Every structure is written in C-alpha cells, then in structure tokens.
Amino acid sequence: MNDVIKAVTRLRPSSLGLRIRPVLIQGPETEALVTSTGSIKPRPEQRSHGLLNILLMVIPSLSIGAYAANKGAGLLEEFEIFVPEDDDDD
C-alpha cells in the first residue's frame, strides 16, 4: 500500500514541539512526476522539428480555408444571396 500512496511531510506545531504529519497526495498528476519508489522522473524528450511540424499543418489548413471561403463567396454572389454594393463617393 505504501508503494501506491505517496506521502509528503508537513511540519505542524504541537505542544511538545514540531510534529511531522504525512499528507497524502493522490491522482494522475503525481504519477506523471514521480516513479513508484518516489524518485523524480527525468524530463521528457523534446521534439527537434516542432516549428516545422506546426508550419506543415497551419499553411495547408489556411490555404484550404481561404479556398473554401472564396468559393462560398462566389456562390453567394452568383445566386444573388449577397451582392456587394458599389458605393460611388465622387
């Protein structure tokens, strides 16, 4: 049971001095930081091409979205649902 529950000690004043009382920490966030023996896990590996991966997703997504918006605006104008007015401010 001690392997499952991790205890952190907290100092608490008492009439005879300082008494150590364990505080139980449970949940998935503690399993991500420490091992079952209580040692801290090493840092996760970092991706070296993070910016390249982001650009490879953002640029095509923006292009497809712009193409769809252009075609949608063309259809709205063709069926005369929304036609921009020409304002002459001469």
C-alpha atoms as a PDB file:
ATOM      1  CA  MET A   1       0.000   0.000   0.000  1.00  0.00           C
ATOM      2  CA  ASN A   2       2.957   2.305   0.639  1.00  0.00           C
ATOM      3  CA  ASP A   3       4.019   1.957  -2.990  1.00  0.00           C
ATOM      4  CA  VAL A   4       0.677   3.265  -4.199  1.00  0.00           C
ATOM      5  CA  ILE A   5       0.229   6.178  -1.762  1.00  0.00           C
ATOM      6  CA  LYS A   6       2.869   8.875  -1.819  1.00  0.00           C
ATOM      7  CA  ALA A   7       3.382  10.850   1.365  1.00  0.00           C
ATOM      8  CA  VAL A   8       4.765  14.346   1.707  1.00  0.00           C
ATOM      9  CA  THR A   9       5.661  15.522   5.155  1.00  0.00           C
ATOM     10  CA  ARG A  10       4.421  18.774   6.567  1.00  0.00           C
ATOM     11  CA  LEU A  11       5.605  20.422   9.750  1.00  0.00           C
ATOM     12  CA  ARG A  12       2.875  21.147  12.259  1.00  0.00           C
ATOM     13  CA  PRO A  13       3.383  22.825  15.615  1.00  0.00           C
ATOM     14  CA  SER A  14       2.232  20.945  18.706  1.00  0.00           C
ATOM     15  CA  SER A  15       2.522  21.452  22.435  1.00  0.00           C
ATOM     16  CA  LEU A  16       5.707  19.334  22.625  1.00  0.00           C
ATOM     17  CA  GLY A  17       7.459  20.926  19.659  1.00  0.00           C
ATOM     18  CA  LEU A  18       7.256  20.135  15.965  1.00  0.00           C
ATOM     19  CA  ARG A  19       5.424  17.022  14.874  1.00  0.00           C
ATOM     20  CA  ILE A  20       5.720  15.571  11.357  1.00  0.00           C
ATOM     21  CA  ARG A  21       2.394  14.623   9.827  1.00  0.00           C
ATOM     22  CA  PRO A  22       2.183  12.920   6.384  1.00  0.00           C
ATOM     23  CA  VAL A  23      -0.089  14.482   3.786  1.00  0.00           C
ATOM     24  CA  LEU A  24      -1.402  12.092   1.146  1.00  0.00           C
ATOM     25  CA  ILE A  25      -1.185  13.108  -2.485  1.00  0.00           C
ATOM     26  CA  GLN A  26      -3.232  11.079  -4.931  1.00  0.00           C
ATOM     27  CA  GLY A  27      -4.196  11.431  -8.553  1.00  0.00           C
ATOM     28  CA  PRO A  28      -2.852  11.067 -12.089  1.00  0.00           C
ATOM     29  CA  GLU A  29      -0.749  14.243 -11.871  1.00  0.00           C
ATOM     30  CA  THR A  30       1.536  12.687  -9.234  1.00  0.00           C
ATOM     31  CA  GLU A  31       2.099   9.574 -11.349  1.00  0.00           C
ATOM     32  CA  ALA A  32       3.424  11.771 -14.161  1.00  0.00           C
ATOM     33  CA  LEU A  33       6.071  13.362 -11.933  1.00  0.00           C
ATOM     34  CA  VAL A  34       7.383  10.551  -9.735  1.00  0.00           C
ATOM     35  CA  THR A  35       8.006   6.825 -10.035  1.00  0.00           C
ATOM     36  CA  SER A  36       6.531   4.163  -7.740  1.00  0.00           C
ATOM     37  CA  THR A  37       9.603   4.375  -5.498  1.00  0.00           C
ATOM     38  CA  GLY A  38       9.216   8.140  -5.091  1.00  0.00           C
ATOM     39  CA  SER A  39      12.082   9.338  -7.282  1.00  0.00           C
ATOM     40  CA  ILE A  40      11.519  12.165  -9.740  1.00  0.00           C
ATOM     41  CA  LYS A  41      11.187  11.092 -13.368  1.00  0.00           C
ATOM     42  CA  PRO A  42      13.579  12.591 -15.954  1.00  0.00           C
ATOM     43  CA  ARG A  43      12.445  15.319 -18.342  1.00  0.00           C
ATOM     44  CA  PRO A  44      10.594  14.065 -21.421  1.00  0.00           C
ATOM     45  CA  GLU A  45      12.357  14.179 -24.755  1.00  0.00           C
ATOM     46  CA  GLN A  46      11.788  17.329 -26.783  1.00  0.00           C
ATOM     47  CA  ARG A  47      10.931  17.256 -30.449  1.00  0.00           C
ATOM     48  CA  SER A  48      13.572  18.862 -32.600  1.00  0.00           C
ATOM     49  CA  HIS A  49      11.296  19.743 -35.549  1.00  0.00           C
ATOM     50  CA  GLY A  50       8.384  21.280 -33.621  1.00  0.00           C
ATOM     51  CA  LEU A  51       8.190  24.518 -35.632  1.00  0.00           C
ATOM     52  CA  LEU A  52       8.397  22.647 -38.929  1.00  0.00           C
ATOM     53  CA  ASN A  53       5.516  20.370 -37.895  1.00  0.00           C
ATOM     54  CA  ILE A  54       3.393  23.380 -36.943  1.00  0.00           C
ATOM     55  CA  LEU A  55       4.071  25.104 -40.267  1.00  0.00           C
ATOM     56  CA  LEU A  56       3.257  21.909 -42.179  1.00  0.00           C
ATOM     57  CA  MET A  57      -0.182  21.901 -40.532  1.00  0.00           C
ATOM     58  CA  VAL A  58      -1.004  25.628 -40.458  1.00  0.00           C
ATOM     59  CA  ILE A  59      -0.142  26.599 -44.049  1.00  0.00           C
ATOM     60  CA  PRO A  60      -2.270  23.911 -45.782  1.00  0.00           C
ATOM     61  CA  SER A  61      -5.148  24.476 -43.336  1.00  0.00           C
ATOM     62  CA  LEU A  62      -5.181  28.213 -44.011  1.00  0.00           C
ATOM     63  CA  SER A  63      -4.960  27.610 -47.752  1.00  0.00           C
ATOM     64  CA  ILE A  64      -7.891  25.181 -47.755  1.00  0.00           C
ATOM     65  CA  GLY A  65      -9.933  27.567 -45.584  1.00  0.00           C
ATOM     66  CA  ALA A  66      -9.219  30.523 -47.876  1.00  0.00           C
ATOM     67  CA  TYR A  67     -10.141  28.453 -50.953  1.00  0.00           C
ATOM     68  CA  ALA A  68     -13.441  27.339 -49.384  1.00  0.00           C
ATOM     69  CA  ALA A  69     -14.283  30.921 -48.351  1.00  0.00           C
ATOM     70  CA  ASN A  70     -13.535  32.199 -51.861  1.00  0.00           C
ATOM     71  CA  LYS A  71     -15.753  29.537 -53.466  1.00  0.00           C
ATOM     72  CA  GLY A  72     -18.518  30.204 -50.923  1.00  0.00           C
ATOM     73  CA  ALA A  73     -18.436  33.953 -51.596  1.00  0.00           C
ATOM     74  CA  GLY A  74     -18.565  33.244 -55.344  1.00  0.00           C
ATOM     75  CA  LEU A  75     -21.647  31.057 -54.912  1.00  0.00           C
ATOM     76  CA  LEU A  76     -23.379  33.685 -52.758  1.00  0.00           C
ATOM     77  CA  GLU A  77     -22.750  36.306 -55.413  1.00  0.00           C
ATOM     78  CA  GLU A  78     -23.787  34.002 -58.272  1.00  0.00           C
ATOM     79  CA  PHE A  79     -27.157  33.181 -56.716  1.00  0.00           C
ATOM     80  CA  GLU A  80     -27.576  36.815 -55.675  1.00  0.00           C
ATOM     81  CA  ILE A  81     -27.901  35.990 -51.997  1.00  0.00           C
ATOM     82  CA  PHE A  82     -25.235  38.514 -51.070  1.00  0.00           C
ATOM     83  CA  VAL A  83     -24.037  41.033 -53.644  1.00  0.00           C
ATOM     84  CA  PRO A  84     -21.693  43.794 -52.533  1.00  0.00           C
ATOM     85  CA  GLU A  85     -22.910  47.248 -53.431  1.00  0.00           C
ATOM     86  CA  ASP A  86     -20.732  49.643 -55.371  1.00  0.00           C
ATOM     87  CA  ASP A  87     -20.544  52.908 -53.472  1.00  0.00           C
ATOM     88  CA  ASP A  88     -19.508  55.931 -55.556  1.00  0.00           C
ATOM     89  CA  ASP A  89     -18.044  58.598 -53.295  1.00  0.00           C
ATOM     90  CA  ASP A  90     -17.119  61.058 -56.060  1.00  0.00           C
END
